[in-house]
């Protein structure tokens, strides 16, 4: 990760840590170096994610399944297309590494994708459909929100829980 990316993540983490009591019980003390992040092998069917093959997701603060503030990190492999979907929670996200191509809409329109390189910010308003993709490199992003979270695909055929 670049220094600027780590700096952005540190600012978000500090804001979440000091703002946590306003949202609920707060966080437990935690210090995790980038090489200590407990990435799972794969998180294809995890609520609150895009549920794509190769996706890795880890909640680094809070509990995404409960009412309260949480921060989730996602890592997607190169050449991953994410179909239109939404989440019930409002999210503020930072791209930590790679270039994330992101757009809003009910129907995938590649012309609407905007390149968001490391250090970029984007939001996922509650209930607003969005879609994305990675291209030649993997992407790591961190999103903070107030849970509980979930995922609703525009096209039910895109939902791996239906297979």
N, C-alpha and C. Protein backbone atom coordinates (compact mmCIF):
# COMPACT_ATOMS: atom_id res chain seq x y z
N UNK A 1 0.84 -1.18 0.00
CA UNK A 1 0.00 0.00 0.00
C UNK A 1 0.88 1.24 0.00
N UNK A 2 0.41 2.28 -0.63
CA UNK A 2 1.17 3.52 -0.65
C UNK A 2 0.98 4.26 0.66
N UNK A 3 1.88 5.20 0.92
CA UNK A 3 1.77 6.00 2.15
C UNK A 3 0.47 6.77 2.22
N UNK A 4 0.06 7.36 1.11
CA UNK A 4 -1.18 8.14 1.11
C UNK A 4 -2.38 7.24 1.41
N UNK A 5 -2.37 6.02 0.89
CA UNK A 5 -3.46 5.09 1.16
C UNK A 5 -3.51 4.73 2.63
N UNK A 6 -2.37 4.45 3.21
CA UNK A 6 -2.31 4.12 4.63
C UNK A 6 -2.75 5.31 5.46
N UNK A 7 -2.36 6.51 5.04
CA UNK A 7 -2.76 7.73 5.75
C UNK A 7 -4.27 7.89 5.72
N UNK A 8 -4.90 7.70 4.56
CA UNK A 8 -6.36 7.80 4.47
C UNK A 8 -7.01 6.77 5.38
N UNK A 9 -6.53 5.54 5.37
CA UNK A 9 -7.12 4.49 6.20
C UNK A 9 -6.95 4.83 7.67
N UNK A 10 -5.81 5.39 8.06
CA UNK A 10 -5.59 5.77 9.45
C UNK A 10 -6.56 6.86 9.89
N UNK A 11 -6.82 7.83 9.01
CA UNK A 11 -7.78 8.90 9.33
C UNK A 11 -9.17 8.32 9.53
N UNK A 12 -9.61 7.44 8.64
CA UNK A 12 -10.93 6.82 8.77
C UNK A 12 -11.00 5.99 10.05
N UNK A 13 -9.98 5.20 10.30
CA UNK A 13 -9.98 4.36 11.50
C UNK A 13 -10.03 5.21 12.76
N UNK A 14 -9.29 6.31 12.79
CA UNK A 14 -9.31 7.19 13.96
C UNK A 14 -10.68 7.82 14.14
N UNK A 15 -11.29 8.27 13.05
CA UNK A 15 -12.62 8.87 13.14
C UNK A 15 -13.64 7.87 13.66
N UNK A 16 -13.54 6.65 13.20
CA UNK A 16 -14.46 5.62 13.65
C UNK A 16 -14.24 5.28 15.12
N UNK A 17 -12.99 5.20 15.52
CA UNK A 17 -12.70 4.85 16.90
C UNK A 17 -13.21 5.91 17.86
N UNK A 18 -12.97 7.19 17.55
CA UNK A 18 -13.39 8.24 18.46
C UNK A 18 -14.87 8.54 18.36
N UNK A 19 -15.51 8.20 17.25
CA UNK A 19 -16.93 8.42 17.08
C UNK A 19 -17.79 7.25 17.50
N UNK A 20 -17.20 6.11 17.83
CA UNK A 20 -17.95 4.88 18.10
C UNK A 20 -18.96 4.99 19.23
N UNK A 21 -18.68 5.67 20.37
CA UNK A 21 -19.66 5.68 21.45
C UNK A 21 -21.00 6.29 21.05
N UNK A 22 -21.01 7.17 20.07
CA UNK A 22 -22.28 7.77 19.63
C UNK A 22 -23.16 6.77 18.91
N UNK A 23 -22.59 5.66 18.45
CA UNK A 23 -23.33 4.69 17.65
C UNK A 23 -23.73 3.45 18.43
N UNK A 24 -23.22 3.25 19.57
CA UNK A 24 -23.55 2.02 20.29
C UNK A 24 -22.51 1.72 21.34
N UNK A 25 -22.23 0.47 21.53
CA UNK A 25 -21.33 0.04 22.60
C UNK A 25 -19.88 0.41 22.35
N UNK A 26 -19.51 0.73 21.14
CA UNK A 26 -18.12 1.08 20.84
C UNK A 26 -17.32 -0.12 20.40
N UNK A 27 -16.05 0.11 20.14
CA UNK A 27 -15.15 -0.92 19.66
C UNK A 27 -14.22 -1.37 20.78
N UNK A 28 -13.73 -2.57 20.64
CA UNK A 28 -12.66 -3.05 21.50
C UNK A 28 -11.36 -2.44 20.97
N UNK A 29 -10.38 -2.22 21.84
CA UNK A 29 -9.09 -1.71 21.35
C UNK A 29 -8.50 -2.69 20.33
N UNK A 30 -7.98 -2.17 19.25
CA UNK A 30 -7.40 -3.03 18.22
C UNK A 30 -6.31 -2.27 17.47
N UNK A 31 -5.22 -2.97 17.18
CA UNK A 31 -4.15 -2.44 16.34
C UNK A 31 -3.73 -3.57 15.42
N UNK A 32 -3.96 -3.39 14.14
CA UNK A 32 -3.66 -4.45 13.18
C UNK A 32 -2.80 -3.89 12.06
N UNK A 33 -1.61 -4.38 11.94
CA UNK A 33 -0.74 -3.97 10.83
C UNK A 33 -1.28 -4.58 9.53
N UNK A 34 -0.97 -3.95 8.43
CA UNK A 34 -1.51 -4.38 7.14
C UNK A 34 -1.22 -5.86 6.86
N UNK A 35 -0.06 -6.34 7.26
CA UNK A 35 0.28 -7.75 7.01
C UNK A 35 -0.34 -8.70 8.03
N UNK A 36 -1.10 -8.17 8.99
CA UNK A 36 -1.78 -8.98 9.98
C UNK A 36 -3.29 -9.08 9.75
N UNK A 37 -3.78 -8.45 8.68
CA UNK A 37 -5.22 -8.49 8.41
C UNK A 37 -5.61 -9.94 8.12
N UNK A 38 -6.61 -10.45 8.85
CA UNK A 38 -6.96 -11.87 8.73
C UNK A 38 -7.87 -12.17 7.54
N UNK A 39 -7.34 -12.02 6.33
CA UNK A 39 -8.13 -12.29 5.14
C UNK A 39 -8.56 -13.76 5.10
N UNK A 40 -9.85 -14.02 4.89
CA UNK A 40 -10.29 -15.41 4.74
C UNK A 40 -9.92 -15.92 3.35
N UNK A 41 -10.02 -17.22 3.14
CA UNK A 41 -9.72 -17.80 1.82
C UNK A 41 -10.67 -17.22 0.77
N UNK A 42 -11.95 -17.14 1.07
CA UNK A 42 -12.94 -16.61 0.13
C UNK A 42 -14.23 -16.32 0.90
N UNK A 43 -14.96 -15.29 0.47
CA UNK A 43 -16.18 -14.87 1.16
C UNK A 43 -17.33 -14.69 0.15
N UNK A 44 -17.54 -15.67 -0.69
CA UNK A 44 -18.48 -15.53 -1.80
C UNK A 44 -19.90 -15.23 -1.36
N UNK A 45 -20.37 -15.82 -0.29
CA UNK A 45 -21.78 -15.66 0.11
C UNK A 45 -21.98 -14.79 1.35
N UNK A 46 -21.07 -13.90 1.64
CA UNK A 46 -21.19 -13.07 2.83
C UNK A 46 -22.12 -11.89 2.59
N UNK A 47 -23.12 -11.74 3.46
CA UNK A 47 -24.05 -10.61 3.39
C UNK A 47 -23.27 -9.30 3.42
N UNK A 48 -23.78 -8.33 2.68
CA UNK A 48 -23.15 -7.03 2.66
C UNK A 48 -22.02 -6.90 1.67
N UNK A 49 -21.82 -7.93 0.85
CA UNK A 49 -20.75 -7.89 -0.14
C UNK A 49 -21.33 -8.10 -1.54
N UNK A 50 -20.46 -8.05 -2.53
CA UNK A 50 -20.86 -8.27 -3.92
C UNK A 50 -20.96 -9.76 -4.26
N UNK A 51 -20.50 -10.62 -3.37
CA UNK A 51 -20.63 -12.07 -3.49
C UNK A 51 -20.09 -12.64 -4.81
N UNK A 52 -18.93 -12.19 -5.22
CA UNK A 52 -18.29 -12.68 -6.44
C UNK A 52 -17.22 -13.69 -6.11
N UNK A 53 -16.93 -14.56 -7.05
CA UNK A 53 -15.88 -15.56 -6.90
C UNK A 53 -14.54 -14.88 -6.66
N UNK A 54 -13.79 -15.37 -5.69
CA UNK A 54 -12.48 -14.81 -5.37
C UNK A 54 -12.52 -13.67 -4.38
N UNK A 55 -13.69 -13.16 -4.07
CA UNK A 55 -13.84 -12.05 -3.12
C UNK A 55 -13.39 -12.48 -1.72
N UNK A 56 -12.64 -11.62 -1.07
CA UNK A 56 -12.26 -11.84 0.33
C UNK A 56 -12.78 -10.64 1.12
N UNK A 57 -13.42 -10.91 2.25
CA UNK A 57 -14.01 -9.87 3.07
C UNK A 57 -13.65 -10.11 4.53
N UNK A 58 -13.31 -9.04 5.22
CA UNK A 58 -13.04 -9.13 6.65
C UNK A 58 -13.60 -7.88 7.33
N UNK A 59 -14.35 -8.08 8.40
CA UNK A 59 -14.83 -6.97 9.21
C UNK A 59 -13.73 -6.69 10.23
N UNK A 60 -13.14 -5.49 10.15
CA UNK A 60 -12.00 -5.17 11.02
C UNK A 60 -12.42 -4.42 12.28
N UNK A 61 -13.65 -3.91 12.32
CA UNK A 61 -14.15 -3.22 13.51
C UNK A 61 -15.66 -3.36 13.55
N UNK A 62 -16.20 -3.63 14.72
CA UNK A 62 -17.64 -3.75 14.88
C UNK A 62 -18.17 -5.08 14.38
N UNK A 63 -19.49 -5.10 14.12
CA UNK A 63 -20.19 -6.30 13.67
C UNK A 63 -21.18 -5.89 12.58
N UNK A 64 -20.91 -6.27 11.35
CA UNK A 64 -21.75 -5.87 10.21
C UNK A 64 -23.15 -6.46 10.28
N UNK A 65 -23.35 -7.50 11.09
CA UNK A 65 -24.65 -8.16 11.19
C UNK A 65 -25.53 -7.54 12.28
N UNK A 66 -24.96 -6.65 13.09
CA UNK A 66 -25.69 -6.07 14.21
C UNK A 66 -25.89 -4.57 14.02
N UNK A 67 -26.77 -4.00 14.81
CA UNK A 67 -26.97 -2.55 14.77
C UNK A 67 -25.75 -1.90 15.40
N UNK A 68 -25.09 -1.07 14.63
CA UNK A 68 -23.92 -0.37 15.13
C UNK A 68 -22.90 -0.12 14.03
N UNK A 69 -21.93 0.69 14.36
CA UNK A 69 -20.89 1.08 13.42
C UNK A 69 -19.93 -0.09 13.16
N UNK A 70 -19.55 -0.27 11.90
CA UNK A 70 -18.57 -1.30 11.54
C UNK A 70 -17.73 -0.81 10.38
N UNK A 71 -16.58 -1.45 10.20
CA UNK A 71 -15.73 -1.22 9.03
C UNK A 71 -15.40 -2.58 8.43
N UNK A 72 -15.65 -2.68 7.14
CA UNK A 72 -15.41 -3.92 6.39
C UNK A 72 -14.37 -3.64 5.31
N UNK A 73 -13.43 -4.56 5.16
CA UNK A 73 -12.47 -4.46 4.07
C UNK A 73 -12.78 -5.57 3.07
N UNK A 74 -12.67 -5.24 1.78
CA UNK A 74 -12.91 -6.22 0.73
C UNK A 74 -11.70 -6.23 -0.20
N UNK A 75 -11.39 -7.42 -0.70
CA UNK A 75 -10.32 -7.58 -1.69
C UNK A 75 -10.90 -8.41 -2.82
N UNK A 76 -10.83 -7.86 -4.03
CA UNK A 76 -11.33 -8.55 -5.21
C UNK A 76 -10.19 -8.81 -6.17
N UNK A 77 -10.19 -9.99 -6.82
CA UNK A 77 -9.13 -10.31 -7.77
C UNK A 77 -9.28 -9.50 -9.06
N UNK A 78 -8.23 -9.49 -9.89
CA UNK A 78 -8.32 -8.82 -11.19
C UNK A 78 -9.46 -9.39 -12.03
N UNK A 79 -9.98 -8.55 -12.92
CA UNK A 79 -11.00 -8.93 -13.91
C UNK A 79 -12.27 -9.50 -13.28
N UNK A 80 -12.73 -8.86 -12.22
CA UNK A 80 -13.97 -9.25 -11.55
C UNK A 80 -15.06 -8.23 -11.87
N UNK A 81 -16.19 -8.70 -12.37
CA UNK A 81 -17.33 -7.82 -12.64
C UNK A 81 -18.37 -8.02 -11.55
N UNK A 82 -18.83 -6.91 -10.99
CA UNK A 82 -19.84 -6.92 -9.93
C UNK A 82 -21.15 -6.40 -10.53
N UNK A 83 -22.21 -7.22 -10.53
CA UNK A 83 -23.48 -6.79 -11.11
C UNK A 83 -24.21 -5.79 -10.21
N UNK A 84 -25.21 -5.09 -10.76
CA UNK A 84 -25.97 -4.12 -9.96
C UNK A 84 -26.60 -4.76 -8.72
N UNK A 85 -26.40 -4.08 -7.59
CA UNK A 85 -26.94 -4.54 -6.31
C UNK A 85 -26.98 -3.35 -5.36
N UNK A 86 -27.60 -3.55 -4.19
CA UNK A 86 -27.64 -2.49 -3.19
C UNK A 86 -27.47 -3.09 -1.80
N UNK A 87 -27.33 -2.20 -0.82
CA UNK A 87 -27.21 -2.58 0.58
C UNK A 87 -28.16 -1.71 1.39
N UNK A 88 -28.68 -2.20 2.51
CA UNK A 88 -29.62 -1.39 3.30
C UNK A 88 -28.94 -0.30 4.12
N UNK A 89 -27.61 -0.36 4.26
CA UNK A 89 -26.87 0.62 5.06
C UNK A 89 -26.15 1.62 4.17
N UNK A 90 -25.99 2.85 4.67
CA UNK A 90 -25.22 3.87 3.95
C UNK A 90 -23.75 3.64 4.24
N UNK A 91 -22.93 3.74 3.19
CA UNK A 91 -21.50 3.43 3.34
C UNK A 91 -20.62 4.55 2.84
N UNK A 92 -19.52 4.72 3.52
CA UNK A 92 -18.46 5.61 3.09
C UNK A 92 -17.24 4.73 2.88
N UNK A 93 -16.68 4.76 1.67
CA UNK A 93 -15.63 3.81 1.30
C UNK A 93 -14.39 4.49 0.76
N UNK A 94 -13.26 3.86 0.99
CA UNK A 94 -11.98 4.30 0.46
C UNK A 94 -11.34 3.16 -0.32
N UNK A 95 -10.77 3.49 -1.47
CA UNK A 95 -9.99 2.52 -2.24
C UNK A 95 -8.58 2.56 -1.66
N UNK A 96 -8.13 1.42 -1.15
CA UNK A 96 -6.82 1.36 -0.51
C UNK A 96 -5.71 0.94 -1.46
N UNK A 97 -6.04 0.08 -2.43
CA UNK A 97 -5.04 -0.31 -3.42
C UNK A 97 -5.74 -0.73 -4.71
N UNK A 98 -5.03 -0.61 -5.81
CA UNK A 98 -5.59 -0.94 -7.11
C UNK A 98 -6.46 0.19 -7.64
N UNK A 99 -7.13 -0.08 -8.76
CA UNK A 99 -8.08 0.88 -9.33
C UNK A 99 -9.43 0.20 -9.42
N UNK A 100 -10.42 0.78 -8.78
CA UNK A 100 -11.79 0.27 -8.70
C UNK A 100 -12.61 1.07 -9.70
N UNK A 101 -13.33 0.39 -10.55
CA UNK A 101 -14.21 1.04 -11.54
C UNK A 101 -15.63 0.92 -11.00
N UNK A 102 -16.28 2.06 -10.73
CA UNK A 102 -17.51 2.09 -9.94
C UNK A 102 -18.55 2.99 -10.61
N UNK A 103 -19.83 2.59 -10.52
CA UNK A 103 -20.92 3.40 -11.07
C UNK A 103 -22.21 3.10 -10.31
N UNK A 104 -23.17 4.00 -10.45
CA UNK A 104 -24.51 3.83 -9.87
C UNK A 104 -25.49 3.50 -10.98
N UNK A 105 -26.47 2.65 -10.70
CA UNK A 105 -27.50 2.37 -11.68
C UNK A 105 -28.10 0.99 -11.51
N UNK A 106 -29.29 0.83 -12.07
CA UNK A 106 -30.01 -0.43 -11.99
C UNK A 106 -29.58 -1.42 -13.06
N UNK A 107 -28.99 -0.89 -14.14
CA UNK A 107 -28.56 -1.71 -15.27
C UNK A 107 -27.08 -1.42 -15.52
N UNK A 108 -26.31 -2.47 -15.70
CA UNK A 108 -24.88 -2.28 -15.94
C UNK A 108 -24.66 -1.52 -17.25
N UNK A 109 -23.94 -0.42 -17.16
CA UNK A 109 -23.58 0.39 -18.31
C UNK A 109 -22.11 0.74 -18.15
N UNK A 110 -21.25 0.02 -18.86
CA UNK A 110 -19.81 0.20 -18.70
C UNK A 110 -19.36 1.63 -18.96
N UNK A 111 -20.09 2.40 -19.76
CA UNK A 111 -19.74 3.78 -20.04
C UNK A 111 -19.85 4.65 -18.78
N UNK A 112 -20.60 4.20 -17.79
CA UNK A 112 -20.78 4.98 -16.56
C UNK A 112 -19.70 4.70 -15.51
N UNK A 113 -18.90 3.66 -15.71
CA UNK A 113 -17.87 3.32 -14.73
C UNK A 113 -16.82 4.43 -14.63
N UNK A 114 -16.50 4.81 -13.40
CA UNK A 114 -15.46 5.82 -13.17
C UNK A 114 -14.28 5.14 -12.50
N UNK A 115 -13.09 5.40 -12.99
CA UNK A 115 -11.86 4.85 -12.41
C UNK A 115 -11.57 5.56 -11.09
N UNK A 116 -11.45 4.77 -10.03
CA UNK A 116 -11.13 5.28 -8.70
C UNK A 116 -9.82 4.64 -8.24
N UNK A 117 -8.68 5.31 -8.44
CA UNK A 117 -7.40 4.73 -8.02
C UNK A 117 -7.24 4.79 -6.50
N UNK A 118 -6.22 4.13 -6.00
CA UNK A 118 -5.94 4.11 -4.56
C UNK A 118 -5.96 5.53 -4.00
N UNK A 119 -6.63 5.67 -2.85
CA UNK A 119 -6.78 6.98 -2.22
C UNK A 119 -8.10 7.64 -2.53
N UNK A 120 -8.88 7.07 -3.47
CA UNK A 120 -10.17 7.64 -3.85
C UNK A 120 -11.25 7.29 -2.83
N UNK A 121 -12.28 8.13 -2.79
CA UNK A 121 -13.43 7.93 -1.90
C UNK A 121 -14.68 7.78 -2.74
N UNK A 122 -15.62 6.96 -2.27
CA UNK A 122 -16.94 6.87 -2.88
C UNK A 122 -17.95 6.50 -1.81
N UNK A 123 -19.22 6.71 -2.11
CA UNK A 123 -20.28 6.35 -1.16
C UNK A 123 -21.23 5.36 -1.81
N UNK A 124 -21.88 4.60 -0.96
CA UNK A 124 -22.94 3.68 -1.38
C UNK A 124 -24.18 4.05 -0.56
N UNK A 125 -25.02 4.97 -1.08
CA UNK A 125 -26.22 5.34 -0.34
C UNK A 125 -27.13 4.13 -0.12
N UNK A 126 -27.81 4.09 1.01
CA UNK A 126 -28.69 2.98 1.35
C UNK A 126 -29.72 2.75 0.25
N UNK A 127 -29.83 1.50 -0.19
CA UNK A 127 -30.83 1.14 -1.20
C UNK A 127 -30.50 1.57 -2.61
N UNK A 128 -29.38 2.25 -2.86
CA UNK A 128 -29.04 2.71 -4.21
C UNK A 128 -28.23 1.63 -4.94
N UNK A 129 -28.73 1.20 -6.07
CA UNK A 129 -28.03 0.19 -6.85
C UNK A 129 -26.73 0.74 -7.42
N UNK A 130 -25.74 -0.11 -7.42
CA UNK A 130 -24.43 0.25 -7.96
C UNK A 130 -23.78 -1.00 -8.53
N UNK A 131 -22.79 -0.82 -9.37
CA UNK A 131 -22.06 -1.93 -9.97
C UNK A 131 -20.61 -1.51 -10.12
N UNK A 132 -19.73 -2.47 -10.33
CA UNK A 132 -18.31 -2.15 -10.34
C UNK A 132 -17.53 -3.25 -11.05
N UNK A 133 -16.23 -3.02 -11.15
CA UNK A 133 -15.34 -4.05 -11.68
C UNK A 133 -13.90 -3.72 -11.35
N UNK A 134 -13.10 -4.78 -11.38
CA UNK A 134 -11.65 -4.62 -11.36
C UNK A 134 -11.17 -4.94 -12.78
N UNK A 135 -10.01 -4.47 -13.10
CA UNK A 135 -9.45 -4.79 -14.43
C UNK A 135 -8.14 -5.53 -14.23
N UNK A 136 -7.02 -4.94 -14.59
CA UNK A 136 -5.75 -5.67 -14.57
C UNK A 136 -5.14 -5.92 -13.21
N UNK A 137 -5.66 -5.28 -12.15
CA UNK A 137 -5.09 -5.51 -10.83
C UNK A 137 -6.18 -5.80 -9.82
N UNK A 138 -5.77 -6.35 -8.69
CA UNK A 138 -6.74 -6.58 -7.62
C UNK A 138 -7.02 -5.25 -6.94
N UNK A 139 -8.12 -5.22 -6.18
CA UNK A 139 -8.53 -4.00 -5.48
C UNK A 139 -8.79 -4.33 -4.02
N UNK A 140 -8.34 -3.45 -3.14
CA UNK A 140 -8.70 -3.51 -1.73
C UNK A 140 -9.40 -2.21 -1.41
N UNK A 141 -10.58 -2.32 -0.78
CA UNK A 141 -11.35 -1.15 -0.37
C UNK A 141 -11.82 -1.36 1.06
N UNK A 142 -12.07 -0.27 1.76
CA UNK A 142 -12.60 -0.32 3.13
C UNK A 142 -13.86 0.53 3.17
N UNK A 143 -14.94 -0.04 3.72
CA UNK A 143 -16.20 0.68 3.83
C UNK A 143 -16.63 0.71 5.29
N UNK A 144 -17.10 1.85 5.74
CA UNK A 144 -17.64 2.01 7.08
C UNK A 144 -19.11 2.35 6.98
N UNK A 145 -19.91 1.78 7.90
CA UNK A 145 -21.35 1.98 7.86
C UNK A 145 -21.93 1.64 9.22
N UNK A 146 -23.23 1.87 9.36
CA UNK A 146 -23.96 1.45 10.54
C UNK A 146 -24.84 0.29 10.12
N UNK A 147 -24.60 -0.89 10.72
CA UNK A 147 -25.33 -2.10 10.36
C UNK A 147 -26.69 -2.16 11.01
N UNK A 148 -27.39 -3.24 10.72
CA UNK A 148 -26.92 -4.42 10.02
C UNK A 148 -26.90 -4.21 8.50
N UNK A 149 -26.07 -5.00 7.84
CA UNK A 149 -25.93 -4.89 6.40
C UNK A 149 -26.64 -6.06 5.72
N UNK A 150 -26.64 -6.03 4.42
CA UNK A 150 -27.21 -7.07 3.59
C UNK A 150 -26.90 -6.76 2.14
N UNK A 151 -27.36 -7.62 1.24
CA UNK A 151 -27.14 -7.41 -0.20
C UNK A 151 -28.41 -7.81 -0.94
N UNK A 152 -28.86 -6.94 -1.85
CA UNK A 152 -30.00 -7.23 -2.72
C UNK A 152 -29.55 -7.01 -4.16
N UNK A 153 -29.58 -8.06 -4.97
CA UNK A 153 -29.21 -7.95 -6.38
C UNK A 153 -30.41 -7.52 -7.20
N UNK A 154 -30.19 -6.65 -8.20
CA UNK A 154 -31.27 -6.23 -9.10
C UNK A 154 -31.83 -7.45 -9.81
N UNK A 155 -30.93 -8.27 -10.35
CA UNK A 155 -31.32 -9.49 -11.05
C UNK A 155 -31.09 -10.69 -10.11
N UNK A 156 -32.14 -11.35 -9.65
CA UNK A 156 -31.96 -12.48 -8.74
C UNK A 156 -31.03 -13.57 -9.27
N UNK A 157 -30.88 -13.68 -10.58
CA UNK A 157 -29.98 -14.68 -11.17
C UNK A 157 -28.51 -14.38 -10.84
N UNK A 158 -28.19 -13.11 -10.49
CA UNK A 158 -26.83 -12.73 -10.14
C UNK A 158 -26.47 -13.08 -8.70
N UNK A 159 -27.45 -13.49 -7.92
CA UNK A 159 -27.28 -13.77 -6.50
C UNK A 159 -26.83 -15.22 -6.29
N UNK A 160 -25.61 -15.46 -5.81
CA UNK A 160 -25.15 -16.84 -5.62
C UNK A 160 -25.96 -17.61 -4.56
N UNK A 161 -26.70 -16.93 -3.72
CA UNK A 161 -27.52 -17.61 -2.74
C UNK A 161 -28.71 -18.33 -3.40
N UNK A 162 -29.00 -17.96 -4.66
CA UNK A 162 -30.09 -18.58 -5.41
C UNK A 162 -29.64 -19.79 -6.22
N UNK A 163 -28.40 -20.17 -6.12
CA UNK A 163 -27.86 -21.29 -6.91
C UNK A 163 -27.70 -22.51 -6.06
